[in-house]
Amino acid sequence: MTFTSPDFRVNLSPSDWITHKESILRQIRLRYLDSQVLKEEIIGNQAVIEMKVLISTILGEQIQLERYELSRYCSVWLLEKVNVVEERFLGHTM
């Protein structure tokens, strides 16, 4: 099951989207190592979450500022957008 909107999945079915993305994420060996919520805001059926995360890929470890936008459908929150606002490889200041 995926908690993503059809727009987020570019209108792919959940199973097709997972199959496609899983292949890419395995290739780059993406792993989330740590995260910190910096901001969370809910207005009606919309939510924004900003996080500082430490990830690891085949390129090494880096810190990212990520912004998640969600919409509530009935009682379920679905991911609409994820934006990497800023990214720095370790050894650089953020």
Protein backbone atom coordinates (compact mmCIF):
# COMPACT_ATOMS: atom_id res chain seq x y z
CA MET A 1 0.00 0.00 0.00
CA THR A 2 1.19 3.49 -0.76
CA PHE A 3 0.05 6.71 0.85
CA THR A 4 0.75 8.80 -2.24
CA SER A 5 -1.68 10.69 -4.45
CA PRO A 6 -2.18 9.82 -8.13
CA ASP A 7 -0.55 13.18 -9.01
CA PHE A 8 2.54 12.26 -6.97
CA ARG A 9 2.73 8.89 -8.75
CA VAL A 10 2.28 10.59 -12.17
CA ASN A 11 -0.96 8.61 -12.52
CA LEU A 12 0.82 5.25 -12.27
CA SER A 13 -0.93 2.57 -10.24
CA PRO A 14 0.51 2.14 -6.74
CA SER A 15 2.11 -1.21 -7.65
CA ASP A 16 3.68 0.12 -10.88
CA TRP A 17 4.97 3.22 -9.10
CA ILE A 18 6.51 1.13 -6.29
CA THR A 19 8.16 -1.24 -8.78
CA HIS A 20 9.64 1.67 -10.76
CA LYS A 21 10.86 3.69 -7.76
CA GLU A 22 12.16 0.67 -5.85
CA SER A 23 14.46 -0.16 -8.76
CA ILE A 24 15.90 3.37 -8.82
CA LEU A 25 16.33 3.55 -5.05
CA ARG A 26 18.13 0.20 -4.99
CA GLN A 27 20.50 1.36 -7.73
CA ILE A 28 21.54 4.45 -5.77
CA ARG A 29 21.39 2.58 -2.44
CA LEU A 30 19.34 5.30 -0.74
CA ARG A 31 19.12 4.98 3.04
CA TYR A 32 17.75 7.46 5.54
CA LEU A 33 20.10 7.48 8.53
CA ASP A 34 18.59 10.22 10.69
CA SER A 35 15.86 12.85 10.55
CA GLN A 36 14.60 15.84 12.47
CA VAL A 37 11.24 17.58 12.00
CA LEU A 38 11.87 21.32 11.69
CA LYS A 39 8.34 22.50 10.94
CA GLU A 40 4.87 21.05 10.70
CA GLU A 41 1.74 22.92 9.77
CA ILE A 42 -1.82 21.76 9.13
CA ILE A 43 -4.38 24.07 7.57
CA GLY A 44 -7.68 22.36 6.84
CA ASN A 45 -6.98 19.35 4.62
CA GLN A 46 -3.44 20.45 3.70
CA ALA A 47 -0.23 19.83 5.62
CA VAL A 48 3.40 20.82 5.20
CA ILE A 49 6.29 19.10 6.96
CA GLU A 50 9.87 20.32 6.70
CA MET A 51 12.64 17.96 7.77
CA LYS A 52 16.40 17.90 8.03
CA VAL A 53 17.58 14.42 7.07
CA LEU A 54 20.85 12.55 6.84
CA ILE A 55 20.92 10.15 3.90
CA SER A 56 23.41 7.74 2.42
CA THR A 57 23.71 6.88 -1.30
CA ILE A 58 26.39 5.53 -3.60
CA LEU A 59 27.71 9.12 -3.71
CA GLY A 60 28.22 9.22 0.05
CA GLU A 61 26.40 10.77 3.00
CA GLN A 62 24.63 14.08 2.74
CA ILE A 63 22.28 16.30 4.69
CA GLN A 64 19.10 17.45 3.01
CA LEU A 65 16.32 19.86 3.87
CA GLU A 66 13.12 18.25 2.58
CA ARG A 67 9.62 19.72 2.29
CA TYR A 68 6.66 17.34 2.21
CA GLU A 69 3.20 18.48 1.10
CA LEU A 70 0.23 16.28 2.00
CA SER A 71 -3.53 16.35 1.46
CA ARG A 72 -6.15 14.67 3.62
CA TYR A 73 -8.72 12.50 1.83
CA CYS A 74 -11.37 11.33 4.29
CA SER A 75 -9.17 10.41 7.26
CA VAL A 76 -6.04 9.44 5.28
CA TRP A 77 -3.09 11.74 4.56
CA LEU A 78 -1.62 11.31 1.05
CA LEU A 79 1.73 12.60 -0.11
CA GLU A 80 1.37 15.17 -2.90
CA LYS A 81 4.91 16.56 -3.27
CA VAL A 82 8.42 16.11 -1.93
CA ASN A 83 10.96 18.82 -2.62
CA VAL A 84 14.63 18.78 -1.67
CA VAL A 85 15.09 22.41 -0.68
CA GLU A 86 18.81 22.18 0.01
CA GLU A 87 21.45 19.46 0.04
CA ARG A 88 25.05 19.31 1.21
CA PHE A 89 27.53 16.48 1.23
CA LEU A 90 29.11 15.94 4.63
CA GLY A 91 32.11 18.12 5.17
CA HIS A 92 30.21 21.19 3.95
CA THR A 93 28.23 23.54 6.15
CA MET A 94 24.50 23.77 5.72
